[in-house]
């Protein structure tokens, strides 16, 4: 089977698709690492958040985003950082969580990012109830720390799995039937 050099509806070469999905898989792995490290140590490393943020421009290129769409991604990320910086200053959110969510805003298109935020809030609420109950049953008196990176990561994985990766199987079926 020869590789096709035809372009899709967004002007992206069919050869860019494996690279695009490779980037999405790398993002999914990074989100799993963020969830596990936050769960274990209540920290998300700057190196991980930086790698996620630096991968976004490669994803934009592989996805065929134009300058307007890139500007929109940057604007959503800037707005996310501005709002979350206030929450960080109020000690309502950790710095790693702020950076992780801001880095994800660079990847996820705006309407899907809104879905991510809603899913994150719901998952975060469940985590808070679960960790709160566990904290009370163990009669701990120290401050309850919720690993919100877990909620962010799970919401991000949900968006990737429902909005971005289904196109992989649909595209594969389309290529194999031609």
Protein backbone atom coordinates (compact mmCIF):
# COMPACT_ATOMS: atom_id res chain seq x y z
CA UNK A 1 0.00 0.00 0.00
CA UNK A 2 1.50 3.36 -1.05
CA UNK A 3 1.28 6.38 1.17
CA UNK A 4 -1.03 9.02 -0.25
CA UNK A 5 0.14 12.62 -0.57
CA UNK A 6 -3.41 13.94 -1.03
CA UNK A 7 -4.48 16.76 1.22
CA UNK A 8 -7.54 16.73 3.41
CA UNK A 9 -10.15 19.41 3.89
CA UNK A 10 -7.90 21.50 6.15
CA UNK A 11 -4.97 21.41 3.73
CA UNK A 12 -3.01 18.91 5.83
CA UNK A 13 -1.19 16.19 3.95
CA UNK A 14 -2.26 12.63 4.68
CA UNK A 15 1.38 12.05 5.64
CA UNK A 16 0.93 14.53 8.52
CA UNK A 17 -1.80 12.43 10.14
CA UNK A 18 0.52 9.81 11.73
CA UNK A 19 2.63 12.64 13.15
CA UNK A 20 -0.48 14.40 14.47
CA UNK A 21 -1.75 11.26 16.17
CA UNK A 22 1.72 10.53 17.52
CA UNK A 23 1.65 13.94 19.17
CA UNK A 24 -1.80 13.23 20.63
CA UNK A 25 -0.57 9.92 22.02
CA UNK A 26 2.47 11.68 23.51
CA UNK A 27 0.10 14.19 25.12
CA UNK A 28 -2.00 11.35 26.55
CA UNK A 29 1.12 9.76 28.05
CA UNK A 30 2.18 13.12 29.51
CA UNK A 31 -1.26 13.51 31.09
CA UNK A 32 -0.97 10.06 32.67
CA UNK A 33 2.46 11.00 34.06
CA UNK A 34 1.03 14.27 35.41
CA UNK A 35 -1.84 12.42 37.12
CA UNK A 36 0.43 9.83 38.73
CA UNK A 37 3.04 12.33 39.91
CA UNK A 38 0.37 14.64 41.33
CA UNK A 39 -1.31 11.73 43.07
CA UNK A 40 2.00 10.52 44.51
CA UNK A 41 3.68 13.79 45.50
CA UNK A 42 1.10 16.56 44.94
CA UNK A 43 3.48 18.10 42.38
CA UNK A 44 3.52 18.34 38.61
CA UNK A 45 7.00 19.02 37.29
CA UNK A 46 7.81 22.14 35.31
CA UNK A 47 9.66 19.94 32.82
CA UNK A 48 6.42 18.06 32.09
CA UNK A 49 4.26 21.18 31.77
CA UNK A 50 6.95 22.76 29.60
CA UNK A 51 7.10 19.73 27.32
CA UNK A 52 3.32 19.77 26.93
CA UNK A 53 3.34 23.48 26.08
CA UNK A 54 6.25 23.12 23.64
CA UNK A 55 4.49 20.27 21.83
CA UNK A 56 1.48 22.45 20.99
CA UNK A 57 3.08 24.35 18.05
CA UNK A 58 4.04 21.03 16.46
CA UNK A 59 0.42 19.92 16.84
CA UNK A 60 -0.79 23.19 15.26
CA UNK A 61 1.45 22.62 12.26
CA UNK A 62 0.43 18.98 11.89
CA UNK A 63 -3.25 19.98 12.19
CA UNK A 64 -2.99 22.73 9.57
CA UNK A 65 -4.07 25.59 11.83
CA UNK A 66 -3.90 29.02 10.23
CA UNK A 67 -2.63 32.14 12.00
CA UNK A 68 -6.12 33.12 13.18
CA UNK A 69 -6.67 29.73 14.79
CA UNK A 70 -3.22 29.83 16.39
CA UNK A 71 -3.96 33.31 17.76
CA UNK A 72 -7.21 31.97 19.20
CA UNK A 73 -5.36 29.10 20.91
CA UNK A 74 -2.86 31.56 22.37
CA UNK A 75 -5.68 33.84 23.52
CA UNK A 76 -7.51 31.02 25.28
CA UNK A 77 -4.26 29.98 26.97
CA UNK A 78 -3.55 33.57 28.07
CA UNK A 79 -7.08 33.94 29.47
CA UNK A 80 -6.73 30.58 31.24
CA UNK A 81 -3.45 31.67 32.79
CA UNK A 82 -4.91 35.02 33.88
CA UNK A 83 -7.92 33.46 35.62
CA UNK A 84 -5.95 30.63 37.19
CA UNK A 85 -3.19 32.97 38.38
CA UNK A 86 -5.83 34.66 40.54
CA UNK A 87 -6.84 31.27 41.95
CA UNK A 88 -3.18 30.49 42.60
CA UNK A 89 -2.72 33.83 44.39
CA UNK A 90 -5.73 32.98 46.56
CA UNK A 91 -4.15 29.58 47.26
CA UNK A 92 -7.16 27.86 45.72
CA UNK A 93 -5.09 26.08 43.07
CA UNK A 94 -1.53 24.82 42.86
CA UNK A 95 1.06 26.20 40.49
CA UNK A 96 1.53 22.90 38.66
CA UNK A 97 -2.22 22.64 38.09
CA UNK A 98 -2.30 26.19 36.69
CA UNK A 99 0.57 25.43 34.29
CA UNK A 100 -0.90 22.08 33.22
CA UNK A 101 -4.30 23.55 32.40
CA UNK A 102 -2.70 26.49 30.59
CA UNK A 103 -0.53 24.11 28.54
CA UNK A 104 -3.63 22.07 27.64
CA UNK A 105 -5.36 25.25 26.48
CA UNK A 106 -2.68 25.47 23.79
CA UNK A 107 -3.68 22.03 22.44
CA UNK A 108 -7.45 21.79 22.78
CA UNK A 109 -9.70 23.87 20.54
CA UNK A 110 -11.79 26.41 22.50
CA UNK A 111 -15.20 24.69 22.56
CA UNK A 112 -13.61 21.38 23.49
CA UNK A 113 -11.56 23.19 26.14
CA UNK A 114 -14.82 24.37 27.69
CA UNK A 115 -15.97 20.72 27.80
CA UNK A 116 -12.63 19.85 29.41
CA UNK A 117 -13.22 22.49 32.11
CA UNK A 118 -16.70 21.14 32.85
CA UNK A 119 -15.46 17.55 33.03
CA UNK A 120 -12.53 18.68 35.19
CA UNK A 121 -14.89 20.39 37.64
CA UNK A 122 -17.09 17.30 37.90
CA UNK A 123 -14.15 14.93 38.31
CA UNK A 124 -12.55 17.34 40.79
CA UNK A 125 -15.76 17.38 42.84
CA UNK A 126 -15.80 13.59 43.01
CA UNK A 127 -12.11 13.57 43.96
CA UNK A 128 -12.74 16.15 46.68
CA UNK A 129 -15.56 14.08 48.16
CA UNK A 130 -13.52 10.87 48.01
CA UNK A 131 -10.36 12.38 49.48
CA UNK A 132 -12.41 14.27 52.08
CA UNK A 133 -14.15 11.08 53.22
CA UNK A 134 -10.84 9.22 53.33
CA UNK A 135 -9.29 12.10 55.29
CA UNK A 136 -12.11 12.08 57.84
CA UNK A 137 -12.16 8.30 58.28
CA UNK A 138 -8.42 8.32 58.98
CA UNK A 139 -8.99 11.17 61.49
CA UNK A 140 -6.22 13.23 59.98
CA UNK A 141 -5.87 16.77 61.24
CA UNK A 142 -3.53 18.15 58.61
CA UNK A 143 -4.78 20.16 55.66
CA UNK A 144 -6.57 18.18 52.98
CA UNK A 145 -4.67 18.34 49.69
CA UNK A 146 -6.58 17.33 46.57
CA UNK A 147 -4.43 16.19 43.63
CA UNK A 148 -6.31 18.32 41.10
CA UNK A 149 -3.83 17.35 38.41
CA UNK A 150 -5.65 14.01 38.38
CA UNK A 151 -8.95 15.74 37.51
CA UNK A 152 -7.25 17.89 34.87
CA UNK A 153 -5.52 14.87 33.34
CA UNK A 154 -8.63 12.67 33.32
CA UNK A 155 -10.68 15.45 31.73
CA UNK A 156 -7.94 15.97 29.14
CA UNK A 157 -7.82 12.26 28.38
CA UNK A 158 -11.61 12.23 28.02
CA UNK A 159 -11.51 15.07 25.49
CA UNK A 160 -8.67 13.43 23.57
CA UNK A 161 -10.47 10.10 23.52
CA UNK A 162 -13.86 11.45 22.49
CA UNK A 163 -12.96 14.34 20.19
CA UNK A 164 -9.55 13.75 18.67
CA UNK A 165 -8.74 10.05 18.62
CA UNK A 166 -12.02 8.76 17.11
CA UNK A 167 -10.94 10.51 13.92
CA UNK A 168 -7.98 8.14 13.83
CA UNK A 169 -10.15 5.05 13.47
CA UNK A 170 -12.51 6.83 11.05
CA UNK A 171 -9.54 7.99 8.95
CA UNK A 172 -8.02 4.51 8.99
CA UNK A 173 -11.27 2.97 7.79
CA UNK A 174 -11.47 5.58 5.03
CA UNK A 175 -7.90 4.90 3.87
CA UNK A 176 -8.31 1.11 3.97
CA UNK A 177 -11.53 1.17 1.96
CA UNK A 178 -10.03 3.29 -0.87
